[in-house]
């Protein structure tokens, strides 16, 4: 599993894409916390720690599934994900 950084990402779009993920997705905060974003409770707690003005300020994302990684990376890069 590889990690990639997210910056200034729309929270609603990110959560919508998380709902499409099939494997585990973890977020590592600057403080070193590793949060499982596939758990609704952990997602709320984790996202609250990095949301600033409706966008995700900065975090490291790690995906179990390569397709999930590609989906979230494209969202971070382009701001949207093209549907197949």
PDB file of N, CA and C in Angstrom:
ATOM      1  N   UNK A   1       0.839  -1.178   0.000  1.00  0.00           N
ATOM      2  CA  UNK A   1       0.000   0.000   0.000  1.00  0.00           C
ATOM      3  C   UNK A   1       0.884   1.242   0.000  1.00  0.00           C
ATOM      4  N   UNK A   2       0.505   2.184  -0.835  1.00  0.00           N
ATOM      5  CA  UNK A   2       1.236   3.445  -0.910  1.00  0.00           C
ATOM      6  C   UNK A   2       0.397   4.549  -0.320  1.00  0.00           C
ATOM      7  N   UNK A   3       1.079   5.567   0.157  1.00  0.00           N
ATOM      8  CA  UNK A   3       0.380   6.731   0.707  1.00  0.00           C
ATOM      9  C   UNK A   3       0.480   7.875  -0.287  1.00  0.00           C
ATOM     10  N   UNK A   4      -0.539   8.735  -0.293  1.00  0.00           N
ATOM     11  CA  UNK A   4      -0.477   9.963  -1.069  1.00  0.00           C
ATOM     12  C   UNK A   4      -1.134  11.065  -0.257  1.00  0.00           C
ATOM     13  N   UNK A   5      -0.740  12.285  -0.542  1.00  0.00           N
ATOM     14  CA  UNK A   5      -1.249  13.445   0.198  1.00  0.00           C
ATOM     15  C   UNK A   5      -2.479  14.004  -0.484  1.00  0.00           C
ATOM     16  N   UNK A   6      -3.400  14.503   0.328  1.00  0.00           N
ATOM     17  CA  UNK A   6      -4.525  15.264  -0.200  1.00  0.00           C
ATOM     18  C   UNK A   6      -4.417  16.687   0.336  1.00  0.00           C
ATOM     19  N   UNK A   7      -4.806  17.627  -0.485  1.00  0.00           N
ATOM     20  CA  UNK A   7      -4.758  19.046  -0.127  1.00  0.00           C
ATOM     21  C   UNK A   7      -6.002  19.738  -0.651  1.00  0.00           C
ATOM     22  N   UNK A   8      -6.582  20.617   0.148  1.00  0.00           N
ATOM     23  CA  UNK A   8      -7.674  21.494  -0.287  1.00  0.00           C
ATOM     24  C   UNK A   8      -8.725  20.755  -1.117  1.00  0.00           C
ATOM     25  N   UNK A   9      -9.255  19.681  -0.562  1.00  0.00           N
ATOM     26  CA  UNK A   9     -10.210  18.833  -1.256  1.00  0.00           C
ATOM     27  C   UNK A   9     -11.606  19.076  -0.698  1.00  0.00           C
ATOM     28  N   UNK A  10     -12.607  19.139  -1.569  1.00  0.00           N
ATOM     29  CA  UNK A  10     -13.990  19.342  -1.151  1.00  0.00           C
ATOM     30  C   UNK A  10     -14.450  18.156  -0.300  1.00  0.00           C
ATOM     31  N   UNK A  11     -14.948  18.439   0.896  1.00  0.00           N
ATOM     32  CA  UNK A  11     -15.347  17.391   1.841  1.00  0.00           C
ATOM     33  C   UNK A  11     -16.474  16.531   1.280  1.00  0.00           C
ATOM     34  N   UNK A  12     -17.499  17.147   0.709  1.00  0.00           N
ATOM     35  CA  UNK A  12     -18.641  16.392   0.187  1.00  0.00           C
ATOM     36  C   UNK A  12     -18.221  15.456  -0.946  1.00  0.00           C
ATOM     37  N   UNK A  13     -17.385  15.924  -1.837  1.00  0.00           N
ATOM     38  CA  UNK A  13     -16.918  15.084  -2.941  1.00  0.00           C
ATOM     39  C   UNK A  13     -16.063  13.930  -2.413  1.00  0.00           C
ATOM     40  N   UNK A  14     -15.237  14.209  -1.422  1.00  0.00           N
ATOM     41  CA  UNK A  14     -14.382  13.178  -0.845  1.00  0.00           C
ATOM     42  C   UNK A  14     -15.218  12.087  -0.166  1.00  0.00           C
ATOM     43  N   UNK A  15     -16.207  12.489   0.619  1.00  0.00           N
ATOM     44  CA  UNK A  15     -17.069  11.518   1.299  1.00  0.00           C
ATOM     45  C   UNK A  15     -17.859  10.702   0.273  1.00  0.00           C
ATOM     46  N   UNK A  16     -18.327  11.340  -0.785  1.00  0.00           N
ATOM     47  CA  UNK A  16     -19.059  10.621  -1.832  1.00  0.00           C
ATOM     48  C   UNK A  16     -18.169   9.551  -2.468  1.00  0.00           C
ATOM     49  N   UNK A  17     -16.911   9.881  -2.710  1.00  0.00           N
ATOM     50  CA  UNK A  17     -15.990   8.901  -3.296  1.00  0.00           C
ATOM     51  C   UNK A  17     -15.621   7.821  -2.295  1.00  0.00           C
ATOM     52  N   UNK A  18     -15.523   8.149  -1.022  1.00  0.00           N
ATOM     53  CA  UNK A  18     -15.266   7.128  -0.002  1.00  0.00           C
ATOM     54  C   UNK A  18     -16.385   6.087  -0.005  1.00  0.00           C
ATOM     55  N   UNK A  19     -17.613   6.532  -0.234  1.00  0.00           N
ATOM     56  CA  UNK A  19     -18.749   5.620  -0.266  1.00  0.00           C
ATOM     57  C   UNK A  19     -18.668   4.642  -1.434  1.00  0.00           C
ATOM     58  N   UNK A  20     -17.896   4.986  -2.470  1.00  0.00           N
ATOM     59  CA  UNK A  20     -17.714   4.107  -3.629  1.00  0.00           C
ATOM     60  C   UNK A  20     -16.531   3.159  -3.473  1.00  0.00           C
ATOM     61  N   UNK A  21     -15.733   3.342  -2.441  1.00  0.00           N
ATOM     62  CA  UNK A  21     -14.543   2.505  -2.233  1.00  0.00           C
ATOM     63  C   UNK A  21     -14.948   1.120  -1.748  1.00  0.00           C
ATOM     64  N   UNK A  22     -14.208   0.100  -2.185  1.00  0.00           N
ATOM     65  CA  UNK A  22     -14.529  -1.277  -1.822  1.00  0.00           C
ATOM     66  C   UNK A  22     -13.605  -1.841  -0.750  1.00  0.00           C
ATOM     67  N   UNK A  23     -12.411  -1.289  -0.611  1.00  0.00           N
ATOM     68  CA  UNK A  23     -11.460  -1.759   0.394  1.00  0.00           C
ATOM     69  C   UNK A  23     -11.327  -0.762   1.533  1.00  0.00           C
ATOM     70  N   UNK A  24     -10.410  -1.052   2.444  1.00  0.00           N
ATOM     71  CA  UNK A  24     -10.162  -0.155   3.564  1.00  0.00           C
ATOM     72  C   UNK A  24      -9.386   1.077   3.097  1.00  0.00           C
ATOM     73  N   UNK A  25      -9.714   2.218   3.671  1.00  0.00           N
ATOM     74  CA  UNK A  25      -9.028   3.480   3.376  1.00  0.00           C
ATOM     75  C   UNK A  25      -8.664   4.110   4.715  1.00  0.00           C
ATOM     76  N   UNK A  26      -7.403   4.464   4.862  1.00  0.00           N
ATOM     77  CA  UNK A  26      -6.936   5.075   6.100  1.00  0.00           C
ATOM     78  C   UNK A  26      -6.418   6.479   5.842  1.00  0.00           C
ATOM     79  N   UNK A  27      -6.597   7.340   6.821  1.00  0.00           N
ATOM     80  CA  UNK A  27      -6.065   8.691   6.779  1.00  0.00           C
ATOM     81  C   UNK A  27      -5.080   8.826   7.931  1.00  0.00           C
ATOM     82  N   UNK A  28      -3.906   9.366   7.642  1.00  0.00           N
ATOM     83  CA  UNK A  28      -2.924   9.644   8.680  1.00  0.00           C
ATOM     84  C   UNK A  28      -2.811  11.146   8.818  1.00  0.00           C
ATOM     85  N   UNK A  29      -3.044  11.640  10.023  1.00  0.00           N
ATOM     86  CA  UNK A  29      -2.988  13.078  10.266  1.00  0.00           C
ATOM     87  C   UNK A  29      -1.561  13.509  10.552  1.00  0.00           C
ATOM     88  N   UNK A  30      -1.344  14.815  10.596  1.00  0.00           N
ATOM     89  CA  UNK A  30      -0.023  15.352  10.911  1.00  0.00           C
ATOM     90  C   UNK A  30       0.432  14.947  12.313  1.00  0.00           C
ATOM     91  N   UNK A  31      -0.530  14.658  13.194  1.00  0.00           N
ATOM     92  CA  UNK A  31      -0.203  14.247  14.566  1.00  0.00           C
ATOM     93  C   UNK A  31       0.149  12.764  14.645  1.00  0.00           C
ATOM     94  N   UNK A  32      -0.003  12.026  13.533  1.00  0.00           N
ATOM     95  CA  UNK A  32       0.330  10.609  13.510  1.00  0.00           C
ATOM     96  C   UNK A  32      -0.834   9.679  13.755  1.00  0.00           C
ATOM     97  N   UNK A  33      -2.054  10.215  13.888  1.00  0.00           N
ATOM     98  CA  UNK A  33      -3.232   9.371  14.074  1.00  0.00           C
ATOM     99  C   UNK A  33      -3.563   8.666  12.760  1.00  0.00           C
ATOM    100  N   UNK A  34      -3.879   7.380  12.829  1.00  0.00           N
ATOM    101  CA  UNK A  34      -4.268   6.603  11.646  1.00  0.00           C
ATOM    102  C   UNK A  34      -5.735   6.241  11.809  1.00  0.00           C
ATOM    103  N   UNK A  35      -6.572   6.778  10.922  1.00  0.00           N
ATOM    104  CA  UNK A  35      -8.022   6.687  11.062  1.00  0.00           C
ATOM    105  C   UNK A  35      -8.596   5.893   9.890  1.00  0.00           C
ATOM    106  N   UNK A  36      -9.431   4.892  10.217  1.00  0.00           N
ATOM    107  CA  UNK A  36     -10.085   4.081   9.203  1.00  0.00           C
ATOM    108  C   UNK A  36     -11.301   4.853   8.674  1.00  0.00           C
ATOM    109  N   UNK A  37     -11.222   5.333   7.447  1.00  0.00           N
ATOM    110  CA  UNK A  37     -12.289   6.157   6.888  1.00  0.00           C
ATOM    111  C   UNK A  37     -13.490   5.353   6.404  1.00  0.00           C
ATOM    112  N   UNK A  38     -13.424   4.028   6.466  1.00  0.00           N
ATOM    113  CA  UNK A  38     -14.569   3.222   6.080  1.00  0.00           C
ATOM    114  C   UNK A  38     -15.536   3.046   7.246  1.00  0.00           C
ATOM    115  N   UNK A  39     -15.127   3.414   8.437  1.00  0.00           N
ATOM    116  CA  UNK A  39     -16.003   3.416   9.606  1.00  0.00           C
ATOM    117  C   UNK A  39     -16.660   4.784   9.691  1.00  0.00           C
ATOM    118  N   UNK A  40     -17.987   4.835   9.743  1.00  0.00           N
ATOM    119  CA  UNK A  40     -18.701   6.120   9.767  1.00  0.00           C
ATOM    120  C   UNK A  40     -18.295   6.969  10.966  1.00  0.00           C
ATOM    121  N   UNK A  41     -18.168   6.359  12.134  1.00  0.00           N
ATOM    122  CA  UNK A  41     -17.788   7.121  13.328  1.00  0.00           C
ATOM    123  C   UNK A  41     -16.366   7.663  13.199  1.00  0.00           C
ATOM    124  N   UNK A  42     -15.438   6.818  12.790  1.00  0.00           N
ATOM    125  CA  UNK A  42     -14.050   7.263  12.630  1.00  0.00           C
ATOM    126  C   UNK A  42     -13.945   8.341  11.557  1.00  0.00           C
ATOM    127  N   UNK A  43     -14.753   8.210  10.504  1.00  0.00           N
ATOM    128  CA  UNK A  43     -14.741   9.203   9.423  1.00  0.00           C
ATOM    129  C   UNK A  43     -15.128  10.576   9.959  1.00  0.00           C
ATOM    130  N   UNK A  44     -16.177  10.624  10.769  1.00  0.00           N
ATOM    131  CA  UNK A  44     -16.619  11.907  11.335  1.00  0.00           C
ATOM    132  C   UNK A  44     -15.531  12.512  12.201  1.00  0.00           C
ATOM    133  N   UNK A  45     -14.989  11.718  13.100  1.00  0.00           N
ATOM    134  CA  UNK A  45     -13.946  12.208  14.007  1.00  0.00           C
ATOM    135  C   UNK A  45     -12.705  12.631  13.232  1.00  0.00           C
ATOM    136  N   UNK A  46     -12.294  11.816  12.279  1.00  0.00           N
ATOM    137  CA  UNK A  46     -11.087  12.111  11.510  1.00  0.00           C
ATOM    138  C   UNK A  46     -11.219  13.333  10.633  1.00  0.00           C
ATOM    139  N   UNK A  47     -12.330  13.445   9.931  1.00  0.00           N
ATOM    140  CA  UNK A  47     -12.507  14.576   9.025  1.00  0.00           C
ATOM    141  C   UNK A  47     -12.665  15.892   9.780  1.00  0.00           C
ATOM    142  N   UNK A  48     -13.282  15.828  10.962  1.00  0.00           N
ATOM    143  CA  UNK A  48     -13.429  17.053  11.756  1.00  0.00           C
ATOM    144  C   UNK A  48     -12.073  17.648  12.121  1.00  0.00           C
ATOM    145  N   UNK A  49     -11.070  16.799  12.244  1.00  0.00           N
ATOM    146  CA  UNK A  49      -9.754  17.280  12.660  1.00  0.00           C
ATOM    147  C   UNK A  49      -9.001  18.013  11.547  1.00  0.00           C
ATOM    148  N   UNK A  50      -9.391  17.807  10.280  1.00  0.00           N
ATOM    149  CA  UNK A  50      -8.637  18.440   9.195  1.00  0.00           C
ATOM    150  C   UNK A  50      -9.479  19.324   8.283  1.00  0.00           C
ATOM    151  N   UNK A  51     -10.767  19.501   8.586  1.00  0.00           N
ATOM    152  CA  UNK A  51     -11.632  20.338   7.751  1.00  0.00           C
ATOM    153  C   UNK A  51     -11.445  21.806   8.132  1.00  0.00           C
ATOM    154  N   UNK A  52     -11.221  22.618   7.110  1.00  0.00           N
ATOM    155  CA  UNK A  52     -11.112  24.061   7.300  1.00  0.00           C
ATOM    156  C   UNK A  52     -11.884  24.747   6.184  1.00  0.00           C
ATOM    157  N   UNK A  53     -12.981  25.411   6.536  1.00  0.00           N
ATOM    158  CA  UNK A  53     -13.771  26.144   5.550  1.00  0.00           C
ATOM    159  C   UNK A  53     -14.400  25.281   4.474  1.00  0.00           C
ATOM    160  N   UNK A  54     -14.823  24.072   4.801  1.00  0.00           N
ATOM    161  CA  UNK A  54     -15.480  23.205   3.827  1.00  0.00           C
ATOM    162  C   UNK A  54     -14.542  22.397   2.969  1.00  0.00           C
ATOM    163  N   UNK A  55     -13.224  22.500   3.187  1.00  0.00           N
ATOM    164  CA  UNK A  55     -12.271  21.685   2.441  1.00  0.00           C
ATOM    165  C   UNK A  55     -11.368  20.932   3.405  1.00  0.00           C
ATOM    166  N   UNK A  56     -10.837  19.817   2.923  1.00  0.00           N
ATOM    167  CA  UNK A  56      -9.869  19.058   3.699  1.00  0.00           C
ATOM    168  C   UNK A  56      -8.519  19.728   3.515  1.00  0.00           C
ATOM    169  N   UNK A  57      -7.930  20.198   4.581  1.00  0.00           N
ATOM    170  CA  UNK A  57      -6.700  20.972   4.468  1.00  0.00           C
ATOM    171  C   UNK A  57      -5.504  20.123   4.052  1.00  0.00           C
ATOM    172  N   UNK A  58      -5.210  19.051   4.788  1.00  0.00           N
ATOM    173  CA  UNK A  58      -4.049  18.232   4.464  1.00  0.00           C
ATOM    174  C   UNK A  58      -4.119  16.923   5.228  1.00  0.00           C
ATOM    175  N   UNK A  59      -3.829  15.823   4.563  1.00  0.00           N
ATOM    176  CA  UNK A  59      -3.742  14.516   5.211  1.00  0.00           C
ATOM    177  C   UNK A  59      -3.058  13.545   4.260  1.00  0.00           C
ATOM    178  N   UNK A  60      -2.624  12.436   4.804  1.00  0.00           N
ATOM    179  CA  UNK A  60      -2.067  11.340   4.018  1.00  0.00           C
ATOM    180  C   UNK A  60      -3.139  10.260   3.922  1.00  0.00           C
ATOM    181  N   UNK A  61      -3.343   9.722   2.723  1.00  0.00           N
ATOM    182  CA  UNK A  61      -4.337   8.685   2.485  1.00  0.00           C
ATOM    183  C   UNK A  61      -3.624   7.408   2.067  1.00  0.00           C
ATOM    184  N   UNK A  62      -4.109   6.284   2.576  1.00  0.00           N
ATOM    185  CA  UNK A  62      -3.570   4.972   2.243  1.00  0.00           C
ATOM    186  C   UNK A  62      -4.741   4.042   1.956  1.00  0.00           C
ATOM    187  N   UNK A  63      -4.707   3.371   0.802  1.00  0.00           N
ATOM    188  CA  UNK A  63      -5.811   2.511   0.388  1.00  0.00           C
ATOM    189  C   UNK A  63      -5.354   1.066   0.269  1.00  0.00           C
ATOM    190  N   UNK A  64      -6.227   0.170   0.686  1.00  0.00           N
ATOM    191  CA  UNK A  64      -5.987  -1.259   0.576  1.00  0.00           C
ATOM    192  C   UNK A  64      -6.142  -1.714  -0.884  1.00  0.00           C
ATOM    193  N   UNK A  65      -7.072  -1.112  -1.601  1.00  0.00           N
ATOM    194  CA  UNK A  65      -7.426  -1.489  -2.956  1.00  0.00           C
ATOM    195  C   UNK A  65      -6.839  -0.469  -3.935  1.00  0.00           C
ATOM    196  N   UNK A  66      -6.155  -0.933  -4.961  1.00  0.00           N
ATOM    197  CA  UNK A  66      -5.521  -0.052  -5.942  1.00  0.00           C
ATOM    198  C   UNK A  66      -6.551   0.803  -6.692  1.00  0.00           C
ATOM    199  N   UNK A  67      -7.732   0.253  -6.979  1.00  0.00           N
ATOM    200  CA  UNK A  67      -8.775   1.027  -7.659  1.00  0.00           C
ATOM    201  C   UNK A  67      -9.264   2.186  -6.790  1.00  0.00           C
ATOM    202  N   UNK A  68      -9.377   1.947  -5.487  1.00  0.00           N
ATOM    203  CA  UNK A  68      -9.779   3.009  -4.561  1.00  0.00           C
ATOM    204  C   UNK A  68      -8.714   4.104  -4.527  1.00  0.00           C
ATOM    205  N   UNK A  69      -7.459   3.680  -4.500  1.00  0.00           N
ATOM    206  CA  UNK A  69      -6.355   4.640  -4.499  1.00  0.00           C
ATOM    207  C   UNK A  69      -6.406   5.514  -5.750  1.00  0.00           C
ATOM    208  N   UNK A  70      -6.617   4.886  -6.902  1.00  0.00           N
ATOM    209  CA  UNK A  70      -6.686   5.614  -8.160  1.00  0.00           C
ATOM    210  C   UNK A  70      -7.851   6.609  -8.158  1.00  0.00           C
ATOM    211  N   UNK A  71      -9.006   6.171  -7.666  1.00  0.00           N
ATOM    212  CA  UNK A  71     -10.206   7.018  -7.611  1.00  0.00           C
ATOM    213  C   UNK A  71      -9.965   8.250  -6.736  1.00  0.00           C
ATOM    214  N   UNK A  72      -9.437   8.039  -5.535  1.00  0.00           N
ATOM    215  CA  UNK A  72      -9.226   9.155  -4.610  1.00  0.00           C
ATOM    216  C   UNK A  72      -8.080  10.059  -5.064  1.00  0.00           C
ATOM    217  N   UNK A  73      -7.059   9.469  -5.688  1.00  0.00           N
ATOM    218  CA  UNK A  73      -5.960  10.272  -6.209  1.00  0.00           C
ATOM    219  C   UNK A  73      -6.445  11.195  -7.328  1.00  0.00           C
ATOM    220  N   UNK A  74      -7.271  10.655  -8.231  1.00  0.00           N
ATOM    221  CA  UNK A  74      -7.819  11.481  -9.322  1.00  0.00           C
ATOM    222  C   UNK A  74      -8.707  12.594  -8.775  1.00  0.00           C
ATOM    223  N   UNK A  75      -9.491  12.278  -7.757  1.00  0.00           N
ATOM    224  CA  UNK A  75     -10.325  13.304  -7.131  1.00  0.00           C
ATOM    225  C   UNK A  75      -9.457  14.415  -6.570  1.00  0.00           C
ATOM    226  N   UNK A  76      -8.379  14.052  -5.905  1.00  0.00           N
ATOM    227  CA  UNK A  76      -7.471  15.043  -5.340  1.00  0.00           C
ATOM    228  C   UNK A  76      -6.805  15.871  -6.438  1.00  0.00           C
ATOM    229  N   UNK A  77      -6.433  15.220  -7.521  1.00  0.00           N
ATOM    230  CA  UNK A  77      -5.719  15.894  -8.609  1.00  0.00           C
ATOM    231  C   UNK A  77      -6.630  16.782  -9.456  1.00  0.00           C
ATOM    232  N   UNK A  78      -7.801  16.256  -9.831  1.00  0.00           N
ATOM    233  CA  UNK A  78      -8.673  16.957 -10.774  1.00  0.00           C
ATOM    234  C   UNK A  78      -9.933  17.569 -10.140  1.00  0.00           C
ATOM    235  N   UNK A  79     -10.246  17.186  -8.913  1.00  0.00           N
ATOM    236  CA  UNK A  79     -11.422  17.741  -8.246  1.00  0.00           C
ATOM    237  C   UNK A  79     -12.708  16.992  -8.555  1.00  0.00           C
ATOM    238  N   UNK A  80     -12.637  15.978  -9.415  1.00  0.00           N
ATOM    239  CA  UNK A  80     -13.795  15.144  -9.728  1.00  0.00           C
ATOM    240  C   UNK A  80     -13.303  13.825 -10.257  1.00  0.00           C
ATOM    241  N   UNK A  81     -14.187  12.844 -10.277  1.00  0.00           N
ATOM    242  CA  UNK A  81     -13.844  11.521 -10.790  1.00  0.00           C
ATOM    243  C   UNK A  81     -14.744  11.234 -11.970  1.00  0.00           C
ATOM    244  N   UNK A  82     -14.147  10.840 -13.079  1.00  0.00           N
ATOM    245  CA  UNK A  82     -14.921  10.486 -14.275  1.00  0.00           C
ATOM    246  C   UNK A  82     -15.572   9.131 -14.055  1.00  0.00           C
ATOM    247  N   UNK A  83     -16.856   9.032 -14.326  1.00  0.00           N
ATOM    248  CA  UNK A  83     -17.581   7.769 -14.213  1.00  0.00           C
ATOM    249  C   UNK A  83     -17.364   6.945 -15.460  1.00  0.00           C
ATOM    250  N   UNK A  84     -17.275   5.638 -15.265  1.00  0.00           N
ATOM    251  CA  UNK A  84     -17.047   4.715 -16.399  1.00  0.00           C
ATOM    252  C   UNK A  84     -18.334   4.391 -17.098  1.00  0.00           C
TER     253      UNK A  84
END
